[in-house]
Amino acid sequence: MKKVGIIMGSDSDLPILRKSMDVLKELEIPFECHIFSAHRTPAEARDFALNARANGFGALIAAAGMAAHLAGAIAANTTLPVIGIPCKGPVLDGMDALLATVQMPTGIPVATVAINGGANAALLAAQILAVSDEALARKLDGKRAKDAQKVLEKDAALQQELNA
């Protein structure tokens, strides 16, 4: 199975990416996690992206706040799918990061999830990998079914409370 690469611009993004890692662990998808900054360690970020396919990665997740150039910098150096997570910052509540992540130039796409959307980034990476992995596709189907069951159980509890 291909790995998912998780790259954060700063260790302050780690709580968001722990959600990504939890989902990947649940689905038994191997991953690596690194801190590379588009601005402070551009050579390392570039090298990681350039070598990602050869190193067994099938999708990459990049999380950054404020200027949020990391996902674009990674995408500029690989043709693997890159999923950007805009992270909430201290000034504009993450809107700056969202706009920076989603406004990529033609030819360098970055799939973008919600601000602080670590779990959805991992799920999207899993769906990308599942295109060619039937066992993973079945795990995703099972997760969806379990998630739906949880909602129905909560609805039943609410109905019981309201009708008691």
N, C-alpha and C. Protein backbone atom coordinates (compact mmCIF):
# COMPACT_ATOMS: atom_id res chain seq x y z
N MET A 1 0.85 -1.18 0.00
CA MET A 1 0.00 0.00 0.00
C MET A 1 0.89 1.24 0.00
N LYS A 2 0.47 2.23 -0.76
CA LYS A 2 1.18 3.51 -0.80
C LYS A 2 1.02 4.22 0.55
N LYS A 3 2.02 5.03 0.89
CA LYS A 3 1.98 5.82 2.12
C LYS A 3 1.37 7.19 1.84
N VAL A 4 0.94 7.83 2.93
CA VAL A 4 0.51 9.23 2.87
C VAL A 4 1.58 10.05 3.56
N GLY A 5 2.00 11.11 2.90
CA GLY A 5 2.95 12.04 3.50
C GLY A 5 2.19 13.18 4.14
N ILE A 6 2.55 13.50 5.37
CA ILE A 6 1.93 14.61 6.10
C ILE A 6 3.03 15.63 6.39
N ILE A 7 2.84 16.84 5.91
CA ILE A 7 3.83 17.89 6.10
C ILE A 7 3.14 19.08 6.74
N MET A 8 3.74 19.58 7.80
CA MET A 8 3.21 20.77 8.46
C MET A 8 4.26 21.86 8.41
N GLY A 9 3.80 23.10 8.32
CA GLY A 9 4.72 24.22 8.27
C GLY A 9 5.32 24.55 9.61
N SER A 10 4.65 24.15 10.69
CA SER A 10 5.10 24.47 12.04
C SER A 10 4.53 23.42 12.99
N ASP A 11 5.22 23.20 14.10
CA ASP A 11 4.69 22.25 15.07
C ASP A 11 3.40 22.75 15.72
N SER A 12 3.07 24.01 15.55
CA SER A 12 1.78 24.51 16.05
C SER A 12 0.60 23.90 15.28
N ASP A 13 0.87 23.32 14.12
CA ASP A 13 -0.16 22.66 13.32
C ASP A 13 -0.41 21.21 13.75
N LEU A 14 0.41 20.72 14.65
CA LEU A 14 0.34 19.31 15.04
C LEU A 14 -1.03 18.88 15.57
N PRO A 15 -1.72 19.66 16.40
CA PRO A 15 -3.05 19.21 16.86
C PRO A 15 -4.03 18.94 15.71
N ILE A 16 -3.94 19.72 14.67
CA ILE A 16 -4.81 19.51 13.50
C ILE A 16 -4.42 18.23 12.79
N LEU A 17 -3.12 18.00 12.66
CA LEU A 17 -2.65 16.83 11.93
C LEU A 17 -2.76 15.54 12.75
N ARG A 18 -2.89 15.66 14.05
CA ARG A 18 -3.15 14.44 14.85
C ARG A 18 -4.49 13.83 14.41
N LYS A 19 -5.44 14.67 14.01
CA LYS A 19 -6.72 14.16 13.50
C LYS A 19 -6.49 13.38 12.21
N SER A 20 -5.62 13.89 11.36
CA SER A 20 -5.27 13.16 10.12
C SER A 20 -4.64 11.82 10.46
N MET A 21 -3.68 11.85 11.38
CA MET A 21 -2.98 10.62 11.75
C MET A 21 -3.92 9.60 12.38
N ASP A 22 -4.87 10.06 13.19
CA ASP A 22 -5.84 9.15 13.81
C ASP A 22 -6.67 8.42 12.75
N VAL A 23 -7.12 9.15 11.74
CA VAL A 23 -7.91 8.54 10.66
C VAL A 23 -7.05 7.54 9.88
N LEU A 24 -5.84 7.93 9.56
CA LEU A 24 -4.97 7.02 8.81
C LEU A 24 -4.66 5.76 9.61
N LYS A 25 -4.44 5.90 10.91
CA LYS A 25 -4.22 4.72 11.76
C LYS A 25 -5.46 3.83 11.76
N GLU A 26 -6.63 4.44 11.91
CA GLU A 26 -7.87 3.66 11.94
C GLU A 26 -8.04 2.85 10.66
N LEU A 27 -7.65 3.43 9.53
CA LEU A 27 -7.78 2.75 8.24
C LEU A 27 -6.55 1.90 7.89
N GLU A 28 -5.57 1.88 8.80
CA GLU A 28 -4.34 1.11 8.62
C GLU A 28 -3.56 1.53 7.38
N ILE A 29 -3.49 2.84 7.17
CA ILE A 29 -2.73 3.41 6.06
C ILE A 29 -1.39 3.90 6.61
N PRO A 30 -0.29 3.43 6.05
CA PRO A 30 1.00 3.91 6.53
C PRO A 30 1.20 5.39 6.18
N PHE A 31 1.92 6.10 7.05
CA PHE A 31 2.17 7.51 6.81
C PHE A 31 3.48 7.93 7.45
N GLU A 32 3.99 9.03 6.97
CA GLU A 32 5.12 9.71 7.58
C GLU A 32 4.70 11.15 7.82
N CYS A 33 5.23 11.74 8.89
CA CYS A 33 4.89 13.11 9.23
C CYS A 33 6.17 13.92 9.41
N HIS A 34 6.21 15.12 8.80
CA HIS A 34 7.41 15.97 8.86
C HIS A 34 7.02 17.42 9.05
N ILE A 35 7.96 18.20 9.58
CA ILE A 35 7.82 19.65 9.65
C ILE A 35 8.80 20.24 8.64
N PHE A 36 8.25 20.85 7.59
CA PHE A 36 9.03 21.56 6.59
C PHE A 36 8.30 22.86 6.29
N SER A 37 8.98 23.94 6.32
CA SER A 37 8.38 25.24 6.04
C SER A 37 8.65 25.65 4.60
N ALA A 38 7.63 26.16 3.94
CA ALA A 38 7.82 26.66 2.58
C ALA A 38 8.79 27.83 2.56
N HIS A 39 8.90 28.55 3.68
CA HIS A 39 9.73 29.75 3.73
C HIS A 39 11.05 29.56 4.47
N ARG A 40 11.03 28.78 5.55
CA ARG A 40 12.24 28.64 6.37
C ARG A 40 13.09 27.43 5.99
N THR A 41 12.47 26.39 5.40
CA THR A 41 13.23 25.22 4.93
C THR A 41 12.76 24.84 3.52
N PRO A 42 12.85 25.77 2.58
CA PRO A 42 12.33 25.48 1.24
C PRO A 42 13.07 24.34 0.52
N ALA A 43 14.36 24.19 0.75
CA ALA A 43 15.10 23.12 0.08
C ALA A 43 14.63 21.75 0.57
N GLU A 44 14.41 21.63 1.88
CA GLU A 44 13.94 20.36 2.43
C GLU A 44 12.52 20.03 1.96
N ALA A 45 11.65 21.03 1.94
CA ALA A 45 10.28 20.83 1.45
C ALA A 45 10.30 20.39 -0.02
N ARG A 46 11.13 21.04 -0.80
CA ARG A 46 11.25 20.72 -2.23
C ARG A 46 11.78 19.30 -2.42
N ASP A 47 12.83 18.94 -1.68
CA ASP A 47 13.41 17.60 -1.80
C ASP A 47 12.40 16.52 -1.41
N PHE A 48 11.65 16.77 -0.35
CA PHE A 48 10.63 15.80 0.05
C PHE A 48 9.64 15.59 -1.08
N ALA A 49 9.14 16.68 -1.66
CA ALA A 49 8.16 16.57 -2.74
C ALA A 49 8.74 15.91 -3.98
N LEU A 50 9.94 16.30 -4.36
CA LEU A 50 10.57 15.72 -5.55
C LEU A 50 10.77 14.21 -5.44
N ASN A 51 11.02 13.72 -4.23
CA ASN A 51 11.31 12.31 -4.03
C ASN A 51 10.13 11.51 -3.49
N ALA A 52 9.00 12.14 -3.30
CA ALA A 52 7.86 11.48 -2.65
C ALA A 52 7.39 10.24 -3.40
N ARG A 53 7.24 10.32 -4.70
CA ARG A 53 6.76 9.17 -5.47
C ARG A 53 7.76 8.01 -5.35
N ALA A 54 9.02 8.29 -5.53
CA ALA A 54 10.05 7.25 -5.44
C ALA A 54 10.13 6.66 -4.03
N ASN A 55 9.73 7.44 -3.03
CA ASN A 55 9.76 6.97 -1.65
C ASN A 55 8.47 6.28 -1.20
N GLY A 56 7.59 5.98 -2.15
CA GLY A 56 6.43 5.16 -1.85
C GLY A 56 5.18 5.89 -1.42
N PHE A 57 5.13 7.20 -1.62
CA PHE A 57 3.93 7.95 -1.25
C PHE A 57 2.92 7.94 -2.40
N GLY A 58 1.64 7.95 -2.03
CA GLY A 58 0.57 7.99 -3.03
C GLY A 58 -0.24 9.27 -2.96
N ALA A 59 -0.16 9.98 -1.84
CA ALA A 59 -0.85 11.25 -1.66
C ALA A 59 -0.14 12.01 -0.55
N LEU A 60 -0.23 13.33 -0.61
CA LEU A 60 0.43 14.19 0.35
C LEU A 60 -0.57 15.15 0.97
N ILE A 61 -0.43 15.38 2.27
CA ILE A 61 -1.24 16.35 2.99
C ILE A 61 -0.29 17.43 3.47
N ALA A 62 -0.63 18.69 3.21
CA ALA A 62 0.21 19.81 3.65
C ALA A 62 -0.66 20.80 4.41
N ALA A 63 -0.24 21.09 5.65
CA ALA A 63 -1.01 22.01 6.51
C ALA A 63 -0.17 23.23 6.85
N ALA A 64 -0.78 24.40 6.69
CA ALA A 64 -0.08 25.64 7.05
C ALA A 64 -1.11 26.73 7.28
N GLY A 65 -0.71 27.70 8.05
CA GLY A 65 -1.57 28.85 8.32
C GLY A 65 -1.02 30.11 7.71
N MET A 66 -1.74 31.19 7.91
CA MET A 66 -1.38 32.53 7.46
C MET A 66 -1.13 32.53 5.95
N ALA A 67 0.09 32.77 5.50
CA ALA A 67 0.36 32.82 4.05
C ALA A 67 0.09 31.47 3.39
N ALA A 68 0.25 30.39 4.14
CA ALA A 68 -0.12 29.03 3.72
C ALA A 68 0.43 28.64 2.35
N HIS A 69 1.70 28.86 2.14
CA HIS A 69 2.32 28.51 0.86
C HIS A 69 2.78 27.07 0.78
N LEU A 70 2.73 26.33 1.88
CA LEU A 70 3.32 24.99 1.91
C LEU A 70 2.69 24.04 0.90
N ALA A 71 1.37 23.96 0.87
CA ALA A 71 0.72 23.02 -0.07
C ALA A 71 1.10 23.34 -1.51
N GLY A 72 1.11 24.60 -1.86
CA GLY A 72 1.50 25.00 -3.21
C GLY A 72 2.95 24.71 -3.51
N ALA A 73 3.81 24.94 -2.53
CA ALA A 73 5.24 24.65 -2.72
C ALA A 73 5.46 23.16 -2.93
N ILE A 74 4.72 22.35 -2.17
CA ILE A 74 4.82 20.90 -2.34
C ILE A 74 4.28 20.50 -3.72
N ALA A 75 3.10 21.00 -4.06
CA ALA A 75 2.46 20.65 -5.34
C ALA A 75 3.31 21.08 -6.54
N ALA A 76 4.06 22.16 -6.40
CA ALA A 76 4.90 22.63 -7.50
C ALA A 76 6.02 21.65 -7.82
N ASN A 77 6.30 20.74 -6.90
CA ASN A 77 7.44 19.85 -7.07
C ASN A 77 7.08 18.37 -7.14
N THR A 78 5.80 18.06 -7.36
CA THR A 78 5.37 16.68 -7.53
C THR A 78 4.08 16.65 -8.33
N THR A 79 3.82 15.52 -8.96
CA THR A 79 2.53 15.32 -9.61
C THR A 79 1.63 14.40 -8.78
N LEU A 80 2.07 14.05 -7.58
CA LEU A 80 1.19 13.33 -6.66
C LEU A 80 0.07 14.25 -6.21
N PRO A 81 -1.09 13.70 -5.84
CA PRO A 81 -2.16 14.55 -5.30
C PRO A 81 -1.72 15.20 -3.99
N VAL A 82 -1.96 16.50 -3.89
CA VAL A 82 -1.64 17.25 -2.68
C VAL A 82 -2.94 17.80 -2.11
N ILE A 83 -3.14 17.56 -0.83
CA ILE A 83 -4.33 18.03 -0.13
C ILE A 83 -3.88 19.08 0.87
N GLY A 84 -4.39 20.29 0.72
CA GLY A 84 -4.01 21.37 1.60
C GLY A 84 -5.00 21.53 2.75
N ILE A 85 -4.46 21.73 3.94
CA ILE A 85 -5.28 22.05 5.11
C ILE A 85 -4.93 23.48 5.51
N PRO A 86 -5.82 24.42 5.28
CA PRO A 86 -5.57 25.77 5.78
C PRO A 86 -5.79 25.78 7.30
N CYS A 87 -4.83 26.33 8.02
CA CYS A 87 -4.91 26.32 9.49
C CYS A 87 -5.30 27.70 10.01
N LYS A 88 -6.14 27.66 11.01
CA LYS A 88 -6.62 28.89 11.63
C LYS A 88 -5.45 29.64 12.25
N GLY A 89 -5.37 30.93 11.96
CA GLY A 89 -4.29 31.75 12.49
C GLY A 89 -4.82 32.82 13.42
N PRO A 90 -3.91 33.62 13.95
CA PRO A 90 -4.28 34.61 14.97
C PRO A 90 -4.95 35.87 14.44
N VAL A 91 -4.90 36.09 13.14
CA VAL A 91 -5.38 37.37 12.62
C VAL A 91 -6.73 37.28 11.92
N LEU A 92 -6.85 36.43 10.94
CA LEU A 92 -8.05 36.38 10.10
C LEU A 92 -8.84 35.08 10.26
N ASP A 93 -8.67 34.40 11.37
CA ASP A 93 -9.41 33.16 11.66
C ASP A 93 -9.23 32.07 10.60
N GLY A 94 -8.14 32.10 9.89
CA GLY A 94 -7.86 31.07 8.89
C GLY A 94 -8.31 31.41 7.48
N MET A 95 -9.03 32.52 7.32
CA MET A 95 -9.46 32.90 5.97
C MET A 95 -8.27 33.20 5.07
N ASP A 96 -7.22 33.79 5.64
CA ASP A 96 -6.02 34.06 4.85
C ASP A 96 -5.42 32.75 4.33
N ALA A 97 -5.33 31.76 5.21
CA ALA A 97 -4.78 30.46 4.82
C ALA A 97 -5.69 29.74 3.82
N LEU A 98 -7.00 29.84 4.03
CA LEU A 98 -7.94 29.21 3.10
C LEU A 98 -7.78 29.78 1.70
N LEU A 99 -7.77 31.09 1.61
CA LEU A 99 -7.65 31.72 0.28
C LEU A 99 -6.30 31.43 -0.35
N ALA A 100 -5.24 31.42 0.43
CA ALA A 100 -3.92 31.12 -0.12
C ALA A 100 -3.85 29.68 -0.62
N THR A 101 -4.51 28.76 0.07
CA THR A 101 -4.45 27.35 -0.31
C THR A 101 -5.31 27.04 -1.51
N VAL A 102 -6.46 27.65 -1.59
CA VAL A 102 -7.41 27.32 -2.65
C VAL A 102 -7.09 28.05 -3.97
N GLN A 103 -6.38 29.15 -3.92
CA GLN A 103 -6.13 29.96 -5.12
C GLN A 103 -4.83 29.59 -5.82
N MET A 104 -4.71 28.33 -6.22
CA MET A 104 -3.51 27.88 -6.91
C MET A 104 -3.61 28.19 -8.40
N PRO A 105 -2.47 28.45 -9.03
CA PRO A 105 -2.51 28.75 -10.46
C PRO A 105 -2.81 27.49 -11.29
N THR A 106 -3.35 27.70 -12.46
CA THR A 106 -3.63 26.61 -13.38
C THR A 106 -2.38 25.76 -13.58
N GLY A 107 -2.55 24.46 -13.49
CA GLY A 107 -1.44 23.54 -13.70
C GLY A 107 -0.82 23.00 -12.43
N ILE A 108 -1.10 23.65 -11.29
CA ILE A 108 -0.56 23.20 -10.01
C ILE A 108 -1.73 23.08 -9.03
N PRO A 109 -2.56 22.04 -9.19
CA PRO A 109 -3.73 21.93 -8.31
C PRO A 109 -3.39 21.50 -6.90
N VAL A 110 -4.16 22.00 -5.96
CA VAL A 110 -4.12 21.57 -4.56
C VAL A 110 -5.57 21.37 -4.15
N ALA A 111 -5.92 20.16 -3.76
CA ALA A 111 -7.25 19.92 -3.21
C ALA A 111 -7.25 20.56 -1.83
N THR A 112 -8.31 21.27 -1.49
CA THR A 112 -8.33 22.00 -0.23
C THR A 112 -9.54 21.58 0.59
N VAL A 113 -9.28 21.29 1.86
CA VAL A 113 -10.37 20.95 2.79
C VAL A 113 -10.64 22.15 3.68
N ALA A 114 -11.57 22.00 4.59
CA ALA A 114 -11.97 23.09 5.47
C ALA A 114 -10.82 23.57 6.36
N ILE A 115 -10.95 24.76 6.86
CA ILE A 115 -10.00 25.28 7.83
C ILE A 115 -9.92 24.29 9.00
N ASN A 116 -8.69 23.88 9.33
CA ASN A 116 -8.42 22.90 10.38
C ASN A 116 -9.03 21.53 10.10
N GLY A 117 -9.26 21.20 8.82
CA GLY A 117 -9.93 19.96 8.43
C GLY A 117 -9.02 18.76 8.33
N GLY A 118 -8.33 18.44 9.41
CA GLY A 118 -7.38 17.33 9.40
C GLY A 118 -7.99 15.98 9.10
N ALA A 119 -9.14 15.68 9.69
CA ALA A 119 -9.77 14.38 9.46
C ALA A 119 -10.20 14.24 8.00
N ASN A 120 -10.81 15.27 7.45
CA ASN A 120 -11.25 15.17 6.05
C ASN A 120 -10.07 15.08 5.08
N ALA A 121 -8.95 15.71 5.40
CA ALA A 121 -7.77 15.58 4.54
C ALA A 121 -7.32 14.12 4.48
N ALA A 122 -7.31 13.46 5.63
CA ALA A 122 -6.91 12.05 5.66
C ALA A 122 -7.92 11.18 4.92
N LEU A 123 -9.19 11.48 5.09
CA LEU A 123 -10.21 10.70 4.39
C LEU A 123 -10.09 10.89 2.88
N LEU A 124 -9.82 12.10 2.44
CA LEU A 124 -9.64 12.34 1.01
C LEU A 124 -8.40 11.60 0.49
N ALA A 125 -7.32 11.63 1.25
CA ALA A 125 -6.13 10.87 0.86
C ALA A 125 -6.45 9.38 0.76
N ALA A 126 -7.21 8.87 1.72
CA ALA A 126 -7.61 7.46 1.69
C ALA A 126 -8.47 7.16 0.46
N GLN A 127 -9.38 8.04 0.12
CA GLN A 127 -10.21 7.82 -1.07
C GLN A 127 -9.37 7.82 -2.34
N ILE A 128 -8.37 8.67 -2.39
CA ILE A 128 -7.47 8.70 -3.55
C ILE A 128 -6.74 7.36 -3.66
N LEU A 129 -6.20 6.89 -2.55
CA LEU A 129 -5.49 5.61 -2.57
C LEU A 129 -6.43 4.44 -2.86
N ALA A 130 -7.68 4.54 -2.43
CA ALA A 130 -8.65 3.45 -2.60
C ALA A 130 -9.07 3.26 -4.05
N VAL A 131 -8.77 4.21 -4.92
CA VAL A 131 -9.09 4.05 -6.34
C VAL A 131 -8.44 2.78 -6.88
N SER A 132 -7.26 2.45 -6.38
CA SER A 132 -6.56 1.25 -6.85
C SER A 132 -6.32 0.23 -5.75
N ASP A 133 -7.10 0.31 -4.67
CA ASP A 133 -6.92 -0.60 -3.54
C ASP A 133 -8.30 -1.00 -3.00
N GLU A 134 -8.79 -2.16 -3.46
CA GLU A 134 -10.14 -2.61 -3.08
C GLU A 134 -10.29 -2.84 -1.58
N ALA A 135 -9.25 -3.35 -0.93
CA ALA A 135 -9.34 -3.58 0.52
C ALA A 135 -9.53 -2.26 1.26
N LEU A 136 -8.83 -1.24 0.84
CA LEU A 136 -8.99 0.08 1.46
C LEU A 136 -10.37 0.65 1.14
N ALA A 137 -10.86 0.44 -0.07
CA ALA A 137 -12.21 0.91 -0.42
C ALA A 137 -13.25 0.27 0.50
N ARG A 138 -13.08 -1.01 0.81
CA ARG A 138 -14.01 -1.68 1.73
C ARG A 138 -13.92 -1.09 3.14
N LYS A 139 -12.71 -0.77 3.59
CA LYS A 139 -12.54 -0.13 4.90
C LYS A 139 -13.26 1.22 4.94
N LEU A 140 -13.15 1.97 3.87
CA LEU A 140 -13.84 3.27 3.80
C LEU A 140 -15.35 3.08 3.83
N ASP A 141 -15.84 2.09 3.10
CA ASP A 141 -17.28 1.79 3.13
C ASP A 141 -17.71 1.44 4.55
N GLY A 142 -16.92 0.63 5.23
CA GLY A 142 -17.23 0.25 6.60
C GLY A 142 -17.22 1.45 7.54
N LYS A 143 -16.27 2.34 7.37
CA LYS A 143 -16.21 3.54 8.21
C LYS A 143 -17.45 4.40 7.97
N ARG A 144 -17.84 4.57 6.74
CA ARG A 144 -19.04 5.36 6.44
C ARG A 144 -20.27 4.74 7.11
N ALA A 145 -20.37 3.42 7.04
CA ALA A 145 -21.51 2.73 7.65
C ALA A 145 -21.52 2.92 9.16
N LYS A 146 -20.34 2.80 9.80
CA LYS A 146 -20.24 3.02 11.25
C LYS A 146 -20.60 4.45 11.62
N ASP A 147 -20.12 5.41 10.83
CA ASP A 147 -20.42 6.81 11.10
C ASP A 147 -21.92 7.09 10.97
N ALA A 148 -22.55 6.48 9.96
CA ALA A 148 -23.99 6.64 9.78
C ALA A 148 -24.75 6.03 10.96
N GLN A 149 -24.30 4.86 11.41
CA GLN A 149 -24.96 4.20 12.54
C GLN A 149 -24.89 5.06 13.80
N LYS A 150 -23.77 5.72 14.03
CA LYS A 150 -23.63 6.60 15.19
C LYS A 150 -24.65 7.74 15.14
N VAL A 151 -24.86 8.30 13.97
CA VAL A 151 -25.84 9.38 13.82
C VAL A 151 -27.24 8.86 14.11
N LEU A 152 -27.58 7.68 13.58
CA LEU A 152 -28.90 7.11 13.80
C LEU A 152 -29.13 6.78 15.28
N GLU A 153 -28.09 6.32 15.96
CA GLU A 153 -28.20 6.06 17.40
C GLU A 153 -28.46 7.35 18.17
N LYS A 154 -27.80 8.42 17.78
CA LYS A 154 -28.01 9.71 18.44
C LYS A 154 -29.44 10.22 18.17
N ASP A 155 -29.92 10.01 16.95
CA ASP A 155 -31.29 10.40 16.64
C ASP A 155 -32.29 9.61 17.48
N ALA A 156 -32.07 8.30 17.61
CA ALA A 156 -32.97 7.47 18.42
C ALA A 156 -32.97 7.93 19.87
N ALA A 157 -31.80 8.28 20.40
CA ALA A 157 -31.73 8.77 21.78
C ALA A 157 -32.47 10.11 21.92
N LEU A 158 -32.31 10.97 20.93
CA LEU A 158 -33.02 12.25 20.96
C LEU A 158 -34.53 12.03 20.91
N GLN A 159 -34.98 11.14 20.02
CA GLN A 159 -36.42 10.87 19.91
C GLN A 159 -36.97 10.31 21.22
N GLN A 160 -36.22 9.44 21.85
CA GLN A 160 -36.64 8.87 23.12
C GLN A 160 -36.74 9.96 24.18
N GLU A 161 -35.76 10.85 24.22
CA GLU A 161 -35.78 11.95 25.20
C GLU A 161 -36.97 12.88 24.97
N LEU A 162 -37.22 13.23 23.72
CA LEU A 162 -38.28 14.18 23.40
C LEU A 162 -39.67 13.58 23.58
N ASN A 163 -39.79 12.28 23.41
CA ASN A 163 -41.10 11.63 23.49
C ASN A 163 -41.34 10.95 24.84
N ALA A 164 -40.45 11.18 25.79
CA ALA A 164 -40.61 10.54 27.11
C ALA A 164 -41.56 11.33 28.00
